[in-house]
Amino acid sequence: MYLKKRWIKTLVLPILAALLLCGIWYRIFWINSCYPSPRIQTYGLHESIRIGGYTILFSDWKWTDGDENPVSGERTGIAELTFCKRTADESAVDLTCISFESGAWGSQF
């Protein structure tokens, strides 16, 4: 009986663990190949972005302290964007795929 338990511990459990890890690795690889990462474009201060019939200019950046925002009382970064319409149609700018991030904890400006 003791040899059977020892055999299970030394042979079967490592094989099952290896199969489980291989399965997890394959699943992660498969998901990443089906859904690749989006293309990331980085723009800085005074650079413009063209989206459809619009040009968006990142015109200014400033930090505010808690006095200007009494509700949360926290330091807040405010980006000033200028939107210019380049076409005469009735379209609206689509901002669903745009995100804004700070490069280094807010210390770059």
N, C-alpha and C. Protein backbone atom coordinates (compact mmCIF):
# COMPACT_ATOMS: atom_id res chain seq x y z
N MET A 1 0.81 -1.19 0.00
CA MET A 1 0.00 0.00 0.00
C MET A 1 0.86 1.27 0.00
N TYR A 2 1.92 1.23 0.77
CA TYR A 2 2.81 2.38 0.85
C TYR A 2 3.49 2.63 -0.49
N LEU A 3 3.87 1.57 -1.20
CA LEU A 3 4.52 1.73 -2.51
C LEU A 3 3.57 2.32 -3.54
N LYS A 4 2.30 1.96 -3.44
CA LYS A 4 1.32 2.49 -4.38
C LYS A 4 1.15 4.00 -4.19
N LYS A 5 1.08 4.47 -2.94
CA LYS A 5 0.95 5.90 -2.67
C LYS A 5 2.21 6.64 -3.11
N ARG A 6 3.34 6.02 -2.86
CA ARG A 6 4.60 6.65 -3.25
C ARG A 6 4.70 6.74 -4.77
N TRP A 7 4.26 5.71 -5.46
CA TRP A 7 4.27 5.70 -6.93
C TRP A 7 3.38 6.81 -7.47
N ILE A 8 2.22 6.99 -6.85
CA ILE A 8 1.31 8.05 -7.28
C ILE A 8 1.96 9.42 -7.07
N LYS A 9 2.58 9.62 -5.93
CA LYS A 9 3.19 10.91 -5.63
C LYS A 9 4.38 11.21 -6.54
N THR A 10 5.18 10.21 -6.84
CA THR A 10 6.41 10.47 -7.59
C THR A 10 6.23 10.44 -9.10
N LEU A 11 5.21 9.80 -9.61
CA LEU A 11 5.08 9.67 -11.05
C LEU A 11 3.80 10.32 -11.59
N VAL A 12 2.69 10.00 -11.02
CA VAL A 12 1.41 10.44 -11.59
C VAL A 12 1.17 11.93 -11.34
N LEU A 13 1.39 12.41 -10.14
CA LEU A 13 1.12 13.82 -9.83
C LEU A 13 2.00 14.78 -10.64
N PRO A 14 3.30 14.55 -10.79
CA PRO A 14 4.08 15.45 -11.66
C PRO A 14 3.64 15.43 -13.12
N ILE A 15 3.23 14.27 -13.61
CA ILE A 15 2.74 14.20 -14.99
C ILE A 15 1.44 14.99 -15.14
N LEU A 16 0.53 14.86 -14.19
CA LEU A 16 -0.71 15.62 -14.24
C LEU A 16 -0.45 17.12 -14.13
N ALA A 17 0.48 17.51 -13.27
CA ALA A 17 0.82 18.92 -13.13
C ALA A 17 1.42 19.46 -14.43
N ALA A 18 2.29 18.69 -15.07
CA ALA A 18 2.89 19.11 -16.34
C ALA A 18 1.82 19.24 -17.43
N LEU A 19 0.89 18.29 -17.49
CA LEU A 19 -0.19 18.38 -18.47
C LEU A 19 -1.08 19.59 -18.23
N LEU A 20 -1.36 19.88 -16.97
CA LEU A 20 -2.17 21.04 -16.64
C LEU A 20 -1.47 22.34 -17.05
N LEU A 21 -0.18 22.45 -16.75
CA LEU A 21 0.57 23.65 -17.14
C LEU A 21 0.66 23.79 -18.66
N CYS A 22 0.83 22.69 -19.37
CA CYS A 22 0.85 22.75 -20.84
C CYS A 22 -0.51 23.19 -21.38
N GLY A 23 -1.59 22.70 -20.78
CA GLY A 23 -2.92 23.11 -21.19
C GLY A 23 -3.17 24.58 -20.96
N ILE A 24 -2.74 25.09 -19.82
CA ILE A 24 -2.90 26.52 -19.53
C ILE A 24 -2.08 27.35 -20.50
N TRP A 25 -0.83 26.94 -20.76
CA TRP A 25 0.02 27.68 -21.70
C TRP A 25 -0.61 27.69 -23.09
N TYR A 26 -1.13 26.54 -23.56
CA TYR A 26 -1.74 26.47 -24.88
C TYR A 26 -2.97 27.37 -24.96
N ARG A 27 -3.77 27.39 -23.91
CA ARG A 27 -4.97 28.23 -23.91
C ARG A 27 -4.60 29.72 -23.99
N ILE A 28 -3.60 30.14 -23.24
CA ILE A 28 -3.16 31.54 -23.29
C ILE A 28 -2.61 31.87 -24.67
N PHE A 29 -1.81 30.97 -25.25
CA PHE A 29 -1.27 31.18 -26.59
C PHE A 29 -2.39 31.28 -27.62
N TRP A 30 -3.39 30.43 -27.52
CA TRP A 30 -4.50 30.42 -28.46
C TRP A 30 -5.31 31.71 -28.36
N ILE A 31 -5.60 32.16 -27.16
CA ILE A 31 -6.37 33.40 -26.98
C ILE A 31 -5.59 34.59 -27.53
N ASN A 32 -4.28 34.65 -27.26
CA ASN A 32 -3.47 35.77 -27.76
C ASN A 32 -3.36 35.76 -29.27
N SER A 33 -3.39 34.59 -29.90
CA SER A 33 -3.33 34.55 -31.35
C SER A 33 -4.67 34.91 -31.98
N CYS A 34 -5.77 34.61 -31.30
CA CYS A 34 -7.10 34.98 -31.82
C CYS A 34 -7.40 36.46 -31.63
N TYR A 35 -6.93 37.03 -30.53
CA TYR A 35 -7.21 38.42 -30.20
C TYR A 35 -5.90 39.16 -29.98
N PRO A 36 -5.25 39.61 -31.05
CA PRO A 36 -3.96 40.29 -30.88
C PRO A 36 -4.13 41.64 -30.19
N SER A 37 -3.06 42.15 -29.65
CA SER A 37 -3.08 43.45 -28.98
C SER A 37 -3.34 44.55 -30.00
N PRO A 38 -4.06 45.59 -29.60
CA PRO A 38 -4.32 46.69 -30.54
C PRO A 38 -3.05 47.49 -30.81
N ARG A 39 -3.05 48.17 -31.94
CA ARG A 39 -1.92 49.03 -32.30
C ARG A 39 -1.98 50.28 -31.42
N ILE A 40 -0.89 50.60 -30.77
CA ILE A 40 -0.84 51.74 -29.86
C ILE A 40 -0.10 52.88 -30.55
N GLN A 41 -0.73 54.05 -30.57
CA GLN A 41 -0.11 55.25 -31.12
C GLN A 41 0.05 56.24 -29.98
N THR A 42 1.22 56.83 -29.87
CA THR A 42 1.50 57.78 -28.80
C THR A 42 1.65 59.18 -29.39
N TYR A 43 0.96 60.13 -28.79
CA TYR A 43 1.04 61.52 -29.20
C TYR A 43 1.38 62.36 -28.00
N GLY A 44 2.12 63.43 -28.22
CA GLY A 44 2.52 64.31 -27.13
C GLY A 44 1.89 65.69 -27.25
N LEU A 45 2.37 66.59 -26.44
CA LEU A 45 1.87 67.96 -26.39
C LEU A 45 2.09 68.66 -27.73
N HIS A 46 1.07 69.37 -28.21
CA HIS A 46 1.06 70.13 -29.47
C HIS A 46 1.17 69.22 -30.70
N GLU A 47 0.74 67.98 -30.59
CA GLU A 47 0.66 67.09 -31.75
C GLU A 47 -0.81 66.86 -32.07
N SER A 48 -1.12 66.72 -33.36
CA SER A 48 -2.51 66.55 -33.77
C SER A 48 -2.78 65.11 -34.21
N ILE A 49 -4.04 64.72 -34.05
CA ILE A 49 -4.51 63.38 -34.39
C ILE A 49 -5.63 63.55 -35.42
N ARG A 50 -5.61 62.75 -36.48
CA ARG A 50 -6.68 62.80 -37.47
C ARG A 50 -7.57 61.58 -37.28
N ILE A 51 -8.85 61.84 -37.01
CA ILE A 51 -9.84 60.78 -36.86
C ILE A 51 -11.02 61.13 -37.75
N GLY A 52 -11.22 60.34 -38.80
CA GLY A 52 -12.31 60.62 -39.72
C GLY A 52 -12.17 62.00 -40.33
N GLY A 53 -13.20 62.82 -40.19
CA GLY A 53 -13.18 64.18 -40.71
C GLY A 53 -12.77 65.20 -39.68
N TYR A 54 -12.10 64.78 -38.62
CA TYR A 54 -11.73 65.69 -37.54
C TYR A 54 -10.22 65.68 -37.29
N THR A 55 -9.73 66.79 -36.81
CA THR A 55 -8.36 66.89 -36.32
C THR A 55 -8.44 67.27 -34.85
N ILE A 56 -7.79 66.49 -34.01
CA ILE A 56 -7.77 66.75 -32.57
C ILE A 56 -6.37 67.18 -32.20
N LEU A 57 -6.25 68.34 -31.58
CA LEU A 57 -4.96 68.89 -31.18
C LEU A 57 -4.85 68.85 -29.66
N PHE A 58 -3.77 68.27 -29.17
CA PHE A 58 -3.48 68.25 -27.74
C PHE A 58 -2.79 69.57 -27.42
N SER A 59 -3.58 70.60 -27.02
CA SER A 59 -3.05 71.95 -26.93
C SER A 59 -2.43 72.32 -25.60
N ASP A 60 -2.90 71.78 -24.50
CA ASP A 60 -2.34 72.21 -23.22
C ASP A 60 -2.56 71.13 -22.17
N TRP A 61 -1.79 71.23 -21.10
CA TRP A 61 -1.84 70.28 -20.00
C TRP A 61 -1.52 71.03 -18.72
N LYS A 62 -2.28 70.75 -17.68
CA LYS A 62 -1.96 71.38 -16.40
C LYS A 62 -2.43 70.50 -15.25
N TRP A 63 -1.82 70.70 -14.13
CA TRP A 63 -2.21 70.02 -12.89
C TRP A 63 -3.04 70.97 -12.06
N THR A 64 -4.06 70.44 -11.41
CA THR A 64 -4.83 71.23 -10.45
C THR A 64 -4.67 70.60 -9.08
N ASP A 65 -4.74 71.42 -8.06
CA ASP A 65 -4.64 70.87 -6.71
C ASP A 65 -6.05 70.66 -6.15
N GLY A 66 -6.14 70.27 -4.92
CA GLY A 66 -7.43 69.96 -4.31
C GLY A 66 -8.32 71.16 -4.12
N ASP A 67 -7.77 72.39 -4.15
CA ASP A 67 -8.60 73.58 -3.97
C ASP A 67 -9.53 73.82 -5.16
N GLU A 68 -9.07 73.48 -6.36
CA GLU A 68 -9.90 73.69 -7.55
C GLU A 68 -10.93 72.58 -7.73
N ASN A 69 -10.74 71.46 -7.08
CA ASN A 69 -11.66 70.34 -7.17
C ASN A 69 -12.07 69.94 -5.75
N PRO A 70 -12.97 70.70 -5.12
CA PRO A 70 -13.27 70.45 -3.71
C PRO A 70 -14.05 69.17 -3.44
N VAL A 71 -14.67 68.60 -4.46
CA VAL A 71 -15.46 67.38 -4.23
C VAL A 71 -14.55 66.23 -3.84
N SER A 72 -13.52 65.98 -4.62
CA SER A 72 -12.61 64.88 -4.29
C SER A 72 -11.40 65.36 -3.51
N GLY A 73 -11.01 66.62 -3.68
CA GLY A 73 -9.87 67.16 -2.95
C GLY A 73 -8.55 66.55 -3.35
N GLU A 74 -8.47 66.02 -4.57
CA GLU A 74 -7.25 65.35 -5.03
C GLU A 74 -6.63 66.13 -6.18
N ARG A 75 -5.36 65.89 -6.38
CA ARG A 75 -4.64 66.49 -7.50
C ARG A 75 -5.14 65.85 -8.79
N THR A 76 -5.45 66.68 -9.79
CA THR A 76 -6.05 66.20 -11.02
C THR A 76 -5.29 66.77 -12.21
N GLY A 77 -5.07 65.94 -13.22
CA GLY A 77 -4.47 66.41 -14.47
C GLY A 77 -5.56 66.73 -15.47
N ILE A 78 -5.44 67.89 -16.11
CA ILE A 78 -6.44 68.32 -17.09
C ILE A 78 -5.75 68.52 -18.43
N ALA A 79 -6.23 67.81 -19.45
CA ALA A 79 -5.72 67.95 -20.81
C ALA A 79 -6.69 68.80 -21.61
N GLU A 80 -6.17 69.77 -22.33
CA GLU A 80 -7.00 70.62 -23.18
C GLU A 80 -6.88 70.13 -24.61
N LEU A 81 -8.00 69.71 -25.19
CA LEU A 81 -8.05 69.21 -26.56
C LEU A 81 -8.84 70.18 -27.42
N THR A 82 -8.36 70.43 -28.63
CA THR A 82 -9.06 71.29 -29.58
C THR A 82 -9.51 70.43 -30.76
N PHE A 83 -10.82 70.42 -31.03
CA PHE A 83 -11.40 69.64 -32.12
C PHE A 83 -11.67 70.57 -33.29
N CYS A 84 -11.17 70.21 -34.48
CA CYS A 84 -11.42 70.97 -35.71
C CYS A 84 -12.07 70.04 -36.73
N LYS A 85 -13.24 70.44 -37.22
CA LYS A 85 -13.94 69.64 -38.23
C LYS A 85 -13.40 70.01 -39.60
N ARG A 86 -13.01 68.99 -40.39
CA ARG A 86 -12.41 69.23 -41.70
C ARG A 86 -13.38 68.97 -42.85
N THR A 87 -14.56 68.43 -42.57
CA THR A 87 -15.53 68.13 -43.61
C THR A 87 -16.83 68.88 -43.35
N ALA A 88 -17.67 68.97 -44.39
CA ALA A 88 -18.93 69.71 -44.28
C ALA A 88 -20.12 68.80 -43.99
N ASP A 89 -19.91 67.53 -43.77
CA ASP A 89 -21.04 66.62 -43.54
C ASP A 89 -21.54 66.73 -42.09
N GLU A 90 -22.55 65.93 -41.77
CA GLU A 90 -23.17 65.97 -40.44
C GLU A 90 -22.61 64.89 -39.51
N SER A 91 -21.43 64.42 -39.75
CA SER A 91 -20.86 63.34 -38.93
C SER A 91 -20.42 63.86 -37.57
N ALA A 92 -20.28 62.93 -36.65
CA ALA A 92 -19.78 63.25 -35.30
C ALA A 92 -18.50 62.47 -35.07
N VAL A 93 -17.63 63.01 -34.25
CA VAL A 93 -16.36 62.36 -33.98
C VAL A 93 -16.59 61.14 -33.09
N ASP A 94 -15.93 60.04 -33.42
CA ASP A 94 -16.06 58.79 -32.66
C ASP A 94 -14.88 58.67 -31.70
N LEU A 95 -15.14 58.79 -30.42
CA LEU A 95 -14.08 58.72 -29.40
C LEU A 95 -14.13 57.42 -28.61
N THR A 96 -14.76 56.38 -29.16
CA THR A 96 -14.91 55.14 -28.40
C THR A 96 -13.60 54.37 -28.26
N CYS A 97 -12.66 54.55 -29.17
CA CYS A 97 -11.42 53.78 -29.12
C CYS A 97 -10.23 54.62 -28.69
N ILE A 98 -10.45 55.71 -28.00
CA ILE A 98 -9.36 56.58 -27.57
C ILE A 98 -9.24 56.50 -26.06
N SER A 99 -8.03 56.34 -25.59
CA SER A 99 -7.79 56.39 -24.14
C SER A 99 -6.62 57.32 -23.89
N PHE A 100 -6.62 57.93 -22.73
CA PHE A 100 -5.57 58.87 -22.36
C PHE A 100 -4.83 58.32 -21.15
N GLU A 101 -3.51 58.32 -21.22
CA GLU A 101 -2.69 57.81 -20.13
C GLU A 101 -1.55 58.76 -19.85
N SER A 102 -1.14 58.76 -18.61
CA SER A 102 0.04 59.52 -18.21
C SER A 102 1.25 58.63 -18.42
N GLY A 103 2.33 59.20 -18.90
CA GLY A 103 3.51 58.40 -19.20
C GLY A 103 4.31 57.96 -18.00
N ALA A 104 4.41 58.78 -16.97
CA ALA A 104 5.26 58.43 -15.84
C ALA A 104 4.72 59.04 -14.55
N TRP A 105 3.55 58.62 -14.16
CA TRP A 105 2.94 59.06 -12.90
C TRP A 105 2.77 60.56 -12.83
N GLY A 106 2.62 61.22 -13.95
CA GLY A 106 2.35 62.65 -13.96
C GLY A 106 3.58 63.52 -13.79
N SER A 107 4.74 62.96 -13.83
CA SER A 107 5.94 63.76 -13.62
C SER A 107 6.57 64.24 -14.92
N GLN A 108 5.97 63.95 -16.07
CA GLN A 108 6.60 64.34 -17.32
C GLN A 108 6.28 65.77 -17.71
N PHE A 109 5.30 66.43 -17.11
CA PHE A 109 4.95 67.81 -17.46
C PHE A 109 5.25 68.70 -16.29
